[in-house]
Structure formats: C-alpha cells, structure tokens
Amino acid sequence: MKTILLTALIGIIAGVIDILPMVKMKLDKYAISSAFIFYFIMPFIILNIDLFKIAWWLKGCVIALALAIPVIIIVAKEDKKSIPPMVVMSVVLGTLIGVAGHFIL
C-alpha cells in the first residue's frame, strides 16, 4: 500500500510540473487534463517494467518518450512548435520519475 501511495505521489508531482506551463499559457482544459493523467499514470508503468536490463536512470526516459510519441504526432498536426517542449518534458520528467522511484521506493 505504501508503494502505491508513493508511486501516486510521484505521479501527482510529475503531472503538476508538466501542467504548470500549460496553465500559464491558458491552454485547453482537455489538453491540461490529458497531460496530467499521462504523467500521473507514467510512474506506475516506469517503475513496474523491466526494460531489457537497461540502466535504472535511463529506463524512465525511454519509456516516457516512447509512450509520448503518439500524443506528439497528434499534436504536431496542429502545432509544430510544441514538438520540442513535449519531447523535452517527456525526457526530463521520465528520467526524474525513474530517479525518484529508484531512490524513494
């Protein structure tokens, strides 16, 4: 139970970090909700997958970026300028989730 709560807390923190710039830019509430849910669920995936014996600090980055690619493709249709920030946030937050999970759990 403690592990689930800590994983959820990591997800909430990652989700809030991701949506803060979106709220500041006054983006659509559906986009903001989608981003928060994406990063809320991400720690449950990252911290429970054994990815080909890849280094623990790299696993989060790889998984987050791989799962963000479909969303990035959909968003790229409307706004090409948003691709770099989405890729950077996926890599950074994915890595931070992996690091937090490694040291906290």
C-alpha atoms as a PDB file:
ATOM      1  CA  MET A   1       0.000   0.000   0.000  1.00  0.00           C
ATOM      2  CA  LYS A   2       2.849   2.360   0.845  1.00  0.00           C
ATOM      3  CA  THR A   3       4.434   1.710  -2.563  1.00  0.00           C
ATOM      4  CA  ILE A   4       1.208   2.535  -4.395  1.00  0.00           C
ATOM      5  CA  LEU A   5       0.764   5.778  -2.473  1.00  0.00           C
ATOM      6  CA  LEU A   6       4.374   6.846  -3.075  1.00  0.00           C
ATOM      7  CA  THR A   7       4.058   5.995  -6.760  1.00  0.00           C
ATOM      8  CA  ALA A   8       0.845   8.037  -6.953  1.00  0.00           C
ATOM      9  CA  LEU A   9       2.583  10.935  -5.194  1.00  0.00           C
ATOM     10  CA  ILE A  10       5.426  10.828  -7.728  1.00  0.00           C
ATOM     11  CA  GLY A  11       2.779  10.881 -10.483  1.00  0.00           C
ATOM     12  CA  ILE A  12       0.950  13.841  -8.966  1.00  0.00           C
ATOM     13  CA  ILE A  13       4.182  15.818  -8.650  1.00  0.00           C
ATOM     14  CA  ALA A  14       5.226  14.987 -12.233  1.00  0.00           C
ATOM     15  CA  GLY A  15       1.751  15.871 -13.508  1.00  0.00           C
ATOM     16  CA  VAL A  16       1.743  19.224 -11.738  1.00  0.00           C
ATOM     17  CA  ILE A  17       5.229  20.035 -13.050  1.00  0.00           C
ATOM     18  CA  ASP A  18       4.052  19.286 -16.583  1.00  0.00           C
ATOM     19  CA  ILE A  19       0.806  21.243 -16.463  1.00  0.00           C
ATOM     20  CA  LEU A  20       2.095  24.413 -14.774  1.00  0.00           C
ATOM     21  CA  PRO A  21       3.397  25.931 -18.053  1.00  0.00           C
ATOM     22  CA  MET A  22       0.216  24.793 -19.800  1.00  0.00           C
ATOM     23  CA  VAL A  23      -1.977  26.564 -17.254  1.00  0.00           C
ATOM     24  CA  LYS A  24       0.183  29.690 -17.539  1.00  0.00           C
ATOM     25  CA  MET A  25      -0.297  29.658 -21.339  1.00  0.00           C
ATOM     26  CA  LYS A  26      -4.065  29.151 -20.823  1.00  0.00           C
ATOM     27  CA  LEU A  27      -4.242  26.022 -22.959  1.00  0.00           C
ATOM     28  CA  ASP A  28      -7.380  23.947 -23.413  1.00  0.00           C
ATOM     29  CA  LYS A  29      -8.613  22.209 -20.251  1.00  0.00           C
ATOM     30  CA  TYR A  30      -8.751  18.894 -22.107  1.00  0.00           C
ATOM     31  CA  ALA A  31      -5.084  19.153 -23.074  1.00  0.00           C
ATOM     32  CA  ILE A  32      -4.167  20.019 -19.496  1.00  0.00           C
ATOM     33  CA  SER A  33      -6.224  17.121 -18.101  1.00  0.00           C
ATOM     34  CA  SER A  34      -4.707  14.730 -20.624  1.00  0.00           C
ATOM     35  CA  ALA A  35      -1.151  15.777 -19.743  1.00  0.00           C
ATOM     36  CA  PHE A  36      -1.798  15.448 -16.013  1.00  0.00           C
ATOM     37  CA  ILE A  37      -3.310  11.971 -16.363  1.00  0.00           C
ATOM     38  CA  PHE A  38      -0.441  10.909 -18.636  1.00  0.00           C
ATOM     39  CA  TYR A  39       2.157  11.812 -16.013  1.00  0.00           C
ATOM     40  CA  PHE A  40       0.043  10.555 -13.127  1.00  0.00           C
ATOM     41  CA  ILE A  41      -0.037   7.079 -14.696  1.00  0.00           C
ATOM     42  CA  MET A  42       3.548   7.147 -16.001  1.00  0.00           C
ATOM     43  CA  PRO A  43       5.280   6.203 -12.686  1.00  0.00           C
ATOM     44  CA  PHE A  44       3.136   3.081 -12.388  1.00  0.00           C
ATOM     45  CA  ILE A  45       4.400   1.990 -15.811  1.00  0.00           C
ATOM     46  CA  ILE A  46       8.025   3.104 -15.474  1.00  0.00           C
ATOM     47  CA  LEU A  47       8.552   1.641 -12.028  1.00  0.00           C
ATOM     48  CA  ASN A  48       6.986  -1.732 -12.837  1.00  0.00           C
ATOM     49  CA  ILE A  49       8.622  -2.561 -16.162  1.00  0.00           C
ATOM     50  CA  ASP A  50      11.947  -4.334 -16.534  1.00  0.00           C
ATOM     51  CA  LEU A  51      13.146  -2.999 -19.866  1.00  0.00           C
ATOM     52  CA  PHE A  52      15.866  -5.264 -21.279  1.00  0.00           C
ATOM     53  CA  LYS A  53      18.132  -4.718 -18.270  1.00  0.00           C
ATOM     54  CA  ILE A  54      18.525  -1.043 -19.200  1.00  0.00           C
ATOM     55  CA  ALA A  55      20.048   1.271 -16.570  1.00  0.00           C
ATOM     56  CA  TRP A  56      17.526   2.426 -13.958  1.00  0.00           C
ATOM     57  CA  TRP A  57      18.123   6.111 -14.682  1.00  0.00           C
ATOM     58  CA  LEU A  58      17.618   5.657 -18.434  1.00  0.00           C
ATOM     59  CA  LYS A  59      14.506   3.463 -18.210  1.00  0.00           C
ATOM     60  CA  GLY A  60      12.187   6.353 -17.303  1.00  0.00           C
ATOM     61  CA  CYS A  61      13.412   8.496 -20.151  1.00  0.00           C
ATOM     62  CA  VAL A  62      12.989   5.762 -22.755  1.00  0.00           C
ATOM     63  CA  ILE A  63       9.531   4.655 -21.606  1.00  0.00           C
ATOM     64  CA  ALA A  64       8.132   8.175 -21.202  1.00  0.00           C
ATOM     65  CA  LEU A  65       9.370   9.237 -24.626  1.00  0.00           C
ATOM     66  CA  ALA A  66       8.099   6.059 -26.288  1.00  0.00           C
ATOM     67  CA  LEU A  67       4.639   6.477 -24.775  1.00  0.00           C
ATOM     68  CA  ALA A  68       4.527  10.185 -25.604  1.00  0.00           C
ATOM     69  CA  ILE A  69       5.268   9.701 -29.312  1.00  0.00           C
ATOM     70  CA  PRO A  70       1.611   9.040 -30.325  1.00  0.00           C
ATOM     71  CA  VAL A  71       0.476  12.175 -28.489  1.00  0.00           C
ATOM     72  CA  ILE A  72       3.292  14.190 -30.026  1.00  0.00           C
ATOM     73  CA  ILE A  73       2.250  13.043 -33.505  1.00  0.00           C
ATOM     74  CA  ILE A  74      -1.361  14.084 -32.903  1.00  0.00           C
ATOM     75  CA  VAL A  75      -0.356  17.490 -31.539  1.00  0.00           C
ATOM     76  CA  ALA A  76       2.183  18.034 -34.343  1.00  0.00           C
ATOM     77  CA  LYS A  77      -0.662  18.096 -36.869  1.00  0.00           C
ATOM     78  CA  GLU A  78      -1.946  21.366 -35.384  1.00  0.00           C
ATOM     79  CA  ASP A  79       1.127  22.953 -33.786  1.00  0.00           C
ATOM     80  CA  LYS A  80       4.645  22.069 -34.921  1.00  0.00           C
ATOM     81  CA  LYS A  81       6.214  24.460 -32.375  1.00  0.00           C
ATOM     82  CA  SER A  82       5.014  22.314 -29.486  1.00  0.00           C
ATOM     83  CA  ILE A  83       7.041  19.247 -30.514  1.00  0.00           C
ATOM     84  CA  PRO A  84      10.373  20.242 -28.852  1.00  0.00           C
ATOM     85  CA  PRO A  85       8.807  21.173 -25.484  1.00  0.00           C
ATOM     86  CA  MET A  86       6.826  17.929 -25.426  1.00  0.00           C
ATOM     87  CA  VAL A  87       9.912  15.847 -26.203  1.00  0.00           C
ATOM     88  CA  VAL A  88      11.986  17.682 -23.590  1.00  0.00           C
ATOM     89  CA  MET A  89       9.296  17.323 -20.905  1.00  0.00           C
ATOM     90  CA  SER A  90       8.917  13.624 -21.689  1.00  0.00           C
ATOM     91  CA  VAL A  91      12.641  13.008 -21.413  1.00  0.00           C
ATOM     92  CA  VAL A  92      13.150  15.145 -18.295  1.00  0.00           C
ATOM     93  CA  LEU A  93      10.058  14.026 -16.379  1.00  0.00           C
ATOM     94  CA  GLY A  94      10.547  10.395 -17.397  1.00  0.00           C
ATOM     95  CA  THR A  95      14.102  10.484 -16.113  1.00  0.00           C
ATOM     96  CA  LEU A  96      13.045  12.224 -12.888  1.00  0.00           C
ATOM     97  CA  ILE A  97      10.300   9.645 -12.331  1.00  0.00           C
ATOM     98  CA  GLY A  98      12.833   6.848 -12.771  1.00  0.00           C
ATOM     99  CA  VAL A  99      15.298   8.505 -10.408  1.00  0.00           C
ATOM    100  CA  ALA A 100      12.628   9.266  -7.800  1.00  0.00           C
ATOM    101  CA  GLY A 101      11.337   5.708  -7.954  1.00  0.00           C
ATOM    102  CA  HIS A 102      14.819   4.301  -7.603  1.00  0.00           C
ATOM    103  CA  PHE A 103      15.653   6.319  -4.504  1.00  0.00           C
ATOM    104  CA  ILE A 104      12.224   6.559  -2.838  1.00  0.00           C
ATOM    105  CA  LEU A 105      10.795   3.088  -3.400  1.00  0.00           C
END
